[in-house]
Amino acid sequence: MSKAQSSSTQSNIILKRQLMELQKRPVEGISAGLVDDDNILEWEVMLIGPPDTLYEGGFFKARLSFPTEFPLLPPKMKFITPMWHPNIYPDGGVCISILHEPKDDEYGYESASERWLPVHTVESILLSVISLLSSDNPDTGSPANVEAAVQVRNDLAGYRKKVRRLARQSAEAAWD
């Protein structure tokens, strides 16, 4: 067996175990499953907006795409549901430290210890995203969505109104 095949097999075992764990002991507000039963590397997740946040009541669909080198390298996470947040790219890509590859940050913004570590699990990733959405005043220091960051800084009330509207729309779409 080649090194790549061995790595891929190891990834599959780890991901199957983590999926079973999430399904056996679900985390409140999080649902996860495979996009296609034949591909353990592509997951669909549903996050329910945390109570007492701007996202409360929303249903947010996202995809997790795992590299064959998982857990040595992080997955990519992308929201399918429209999102408005300084740390979520306009195309839905999630930009949080633990999803960044485990190397030194060329811009000096993050320390290596804040970035991806193989001890992270799907659950820890999703809890980090829930935590991101729970912040009433998101970090705008290194934004993925510059327009959202500018709105947070210049028009926080307008930002909050837009996020609540998107959360309502996501809830309505979930029932269509």
Protein backbone atom coordinates (compact mmCIF):
# COMPACT_ATOMS: atom_id res chain seq x y z
CA MET A 1 0.00 0.00 0.00
CA SER A 2 1.40 3.40 -0.95
CA LYS A 3 1.83 6.21 1.58
CA ALA A 4 -1.04 8.18 -0.07
CA GLN A 5 -3.37 5.15 0.11
CA SER A 6 -2.42 4.58 3.74
CA SER A 7 -3.11 8.25 4.54
CA SER A 8 -6.44 8.11 2.71
CA THR A 9 -7.48 4.93 4.54
CA GLN A 10 -6.54 6.51 7.87
CA SER A 11 -8.61 9.61 6.97
CA ASN A 12 -11.60 7.44 6.12
CA ILE A 13 -11.41 5.57 9.42
CA ILE A 14 -11.10 8.80 11.45
CA LEU A 15 -13.93 10.53 9.57
CA LYS A 16 -16.27 7.52 9.84
CA ARG A 17 -15.61 7.42 13.59
CA GLN A 18 -16.27 11.16 13.96
CA LEU A 19 -19.48 10.98 11.91
CA MET A 20 -20.77 8.06 13.98
CA GLU A 21 -19.89 9.96 17.17
CA LEU A 22 -21.79 13.07 16.02
CA GLN A 23 -24.80 10.96 15.07
CA LYS A 24 -24.75 8.96 18.32
CA ARG A 25 -24.19 11.99 20.54
CA PRO A 26 -25.46 15.00 18.60
CA VAL A 27 -24.39 18.46 19.62
CA GLU A 28 -27.29 20.85 20.11
CA GLY A 29 -27.83 22.97 17.02
CA ILE A 30 -25.67 20.79 14.75
CA SER A 31 -26.63 18.07 12.29
CA ALA A 32 -24.14 16.33 10.01
CA GLY A 33 -24.23 13.69 7.30
CA LEU A 34 -22.58 12.70 4.07
CA VAL A 35 -23.42 14.44 0.80
CA ASP A 36 -23.02 11.04 -0.91
CA ASP A 37 -22.85 7.76 1.01
CA ASP A 38 -19.89 6.68 -1.14
CA ASN A 39 -17.71 9.69 -0.26
CA ILE A 40 -16.64 10.14 3.36
CA LEU A 41 -14.66 13.28 2.39
CA GLU A 42 -17.75 15.42 1.60
CA TRP A 43 -20.13 16.30 4.43
CA GLU A 44 -23.26 18.40 4.57
CA VAL A 45 -23.93 20.12 7.86
CA MET A 46 -26.86 22.08 9.20
CA LEU A 47 -26.26 24.63 11.91
CA ILE A 48 -29.20 26.10 13.77
CA GLY A 49 -28.64 29.70 14.78
CA PRO A 50 -27.67 29.80 18.46
CA PRO A 51 -30.26 31.20 20.91
CA ASP A 52 -29.84 34.84 21.96
CA THR A 53 -27.71 35.68 18.91
CA LEU A 54 -28.36 37.54 15.66
CA TYR A 55 -28.55 34.13 13.94
CA GLU A 56 -31.18 32.73 16.34
CA GLY A 57 -33.78 30.59 14.59
CA GLY A 58 -31.87 30.40 11.32
CA PHE A 59 -31.06 27.16 9.49
CA PHE A 60 -27.65 27.38 7.86
CA LYS A 61 -26.50 24.70 5.44
CA ALA A 62 -22.80 24.22 4.84
CA ARG A 63 -20.36 21.77 3.28
CA LEU A 64 -17.21 20.35 4.80
CA SER A 65 -14.68 19.08 2.26
CA PHE A 66 -11.90 17.00 3.77
CA PRO A 67 -8.49 16.47 2.17
CA THR A 68 -7.19 12.91 1.93
CA GLU A 69 -4.46 14.05 4.35
CA PHE A 70 -7.02 14.69 7.13
CA PRO A 71 -6.34 15.03 10.09
CA LEU A 72 -2.88 16.35 9.15
CA LEU A 73 -4.54 19.08 7.05
CA PRO A 74 -7.82 20.88 7.79
CA PRO A 75 -11.05 20.61 5.83
CA LYS A 76 -12.58 23.53 3.94
CA MET A 77 -15.96 24.76 5.12
CA LYS A 78 -18.36 26.68 2.94
CA PHE A 79 -21.88 27.88 3.71
CA ILE A 80 -24.49 27.17 1.07
CA THR A 81 -27.01 29.39 2.86
CA PRO A 82 -26.31 33.10 2.23
CA MET A 83 -24.34 34.54 5.15
CA TRP A 84 -23.27 38.05 6.17
CA HIS A 85 -20.29 38.01 8.51
CA PRO A 86 -16.78 39.52 8.44
CA ASN A 87 -15.21 36.04 8.78
CA ILE A 88 -17.26 34.39 6.03
CA TYR A 89 -16.25 35.10 2.44
CA PRO A 90 -18.96 36.36 0.08
CA ASP A 91 -18.92 32.89 -1.58
CA GLY A 92 -19.66 31.25 1.81
CA GLY A 93 -16.13 30.08 2.64
CA VAL A 94 -15.42 30.13 6.38
CA CYS A 95 -12.27 31.90 7.55
CA ILE A 96 -11.37 30.90 11.10
CA SER A 97 -7.93 30.17 12.52
CA ILE A 98 -8.42 26.46 13.13
CA LEU A 99 -9.23 25.91 9.44
CA HIS A 100 -5.91 27.44 8.36
CA GLU A 101 -3.06 25.06 7.52
CA PRO A 102 -0.59 24.38 10.33
CA LYS A 103 2.23 26.70 9.33
CA ASP A 104 3.40 30.15 10.28
CA ASP A 105 1.07 32.96 9.22
CA GLU A 106 2.93 34.96 6.58
CA TYR A 107 1.13 38.12 7.77
CA GLY A 108 1.86 37.53 11.45
CA TYR A 109 -1.83 37.73 12.38
CA GLU A 110 -2.12 34.23 13.90
CA SER A 111 0.32 32.15 15.86
CA ALA A 112 0.90 28.55 14.71
CA SER A 113 -0.88 27.30 17.87
CA GLU A 114 -4.12 29.03 16.79
CA ARG A 115 -4.14 27.26 13.44
CA TRP A 116 -5.10 23.71 12.49
CA LEU A 117 -3.87 20.92 14.74
CA PRO A 118 -4.56 17.21 14.09
CA VAL A 119 -6.32 16.98 17.47
CA HIS A 120 -9.21 19.06 16.12
CA THR A 121 -12.36 17.15 15.26
CA VAL A 122 -15.39 17.90 13.14
CA GLU A 123 -17.19 18.69 16.39
CA SER A 124 -14.53 21.21 17.47
CA ILE A 125 -14.69 22.87 14.03
CA LEU A 126 -18.47 23.19 14.14
CA LEU A 127 -18.41 24.46 17.73
CA SER A 128 -15.88 27.09 16.65
CA VAL A 129 -18.21 28.19 13.86
CA ILE A 130 -21.16 28.33 16.29
CA SER A 131 -18.97 30.44 18.57
CA LEU A 132 -18.12 32.71 15.64
CA LEU A 133 -21.81 33.22 14.92
CA SER A 134 -22.54 33.84 18.59
CA SER A 135 -20.43 36.98 18.80
CA ASP A 136 -22.56 40.12 18.92
CA ASN A 137 -19.67 42.29 17.75
CA PRO A 138 -17.51 40.19 15.36
CA ASP A 139 -13.79 40.67 14.85
CA THR A 140 -13.07 42.91 11.88
CA GLY A 141 -9.25 42.87 12.14
CA SER A 142 -8.56 40.52 9.23
CA PRO A 143 -11.86 40.18 7.37
CA ALA A 144 -12.81 37.63 4.74
CA ASN A 145 -15.79 39.81 3.83
CA VAL A 146 -14.55 43.40 3.78
CA GLU A 147 -18.02 44.88 3.16
CA ALA A 148 -19.46 43.11 6.21
CA ALA A 149 -16.47 44.25 8.32
CA VAL A 150 -16.91 47.87 7.19
CA GLN A 151 -20.62 47.67 8.05
CA VAL A 152 -19.82 46.30 11.52
CA ARG A 153 -17.44 49.23 12.13
CA ASN A 154 -19.59 51.99 10.59
CA ASP A 155 -23.19 50.80 10.96
CA LEU A 156 -23.49 48.08 13.61
CA ALA A 157 -27.29 48.47 13.77
CA GLY A 158 -27.54 47.99 9.98
CA TYR A 159 -25.25 44.95 10.17
CA ARG A 160 -27.37 43.36 12.90
CA LYS A 161 -30.58 44.05 10.97
CA LYS A 162 -29.16 42.43 7.80
CA VAL A 163 -27.99 39.33 9.72
CA ARG A 164 -31.39 38.91 11.43
CA ARG A 165 -33.12 39.24 8.04
CA LEU A 166 -30.87 36.53 6.53
CA ALA A 167 -31.56 34.28 9.55
CA ARG A 168 -35.33 34.72 9.05
CA GLN A 169 -34.99 33.99 5.33
CA SER A 170 -32.97 30.85 6.04
CA ALA A 171 -35.67 29.61 8.41
CA GLU A 172 -38.38 30.27 5.82
CA ALA A 173 -36.33 28.52 3.10
CA ALA A 174 -35.89 25.48 5.34
CA TRP A 175 -39.65 24.96 5.33
CA ASP A 176 -40.10 25.43 1.57
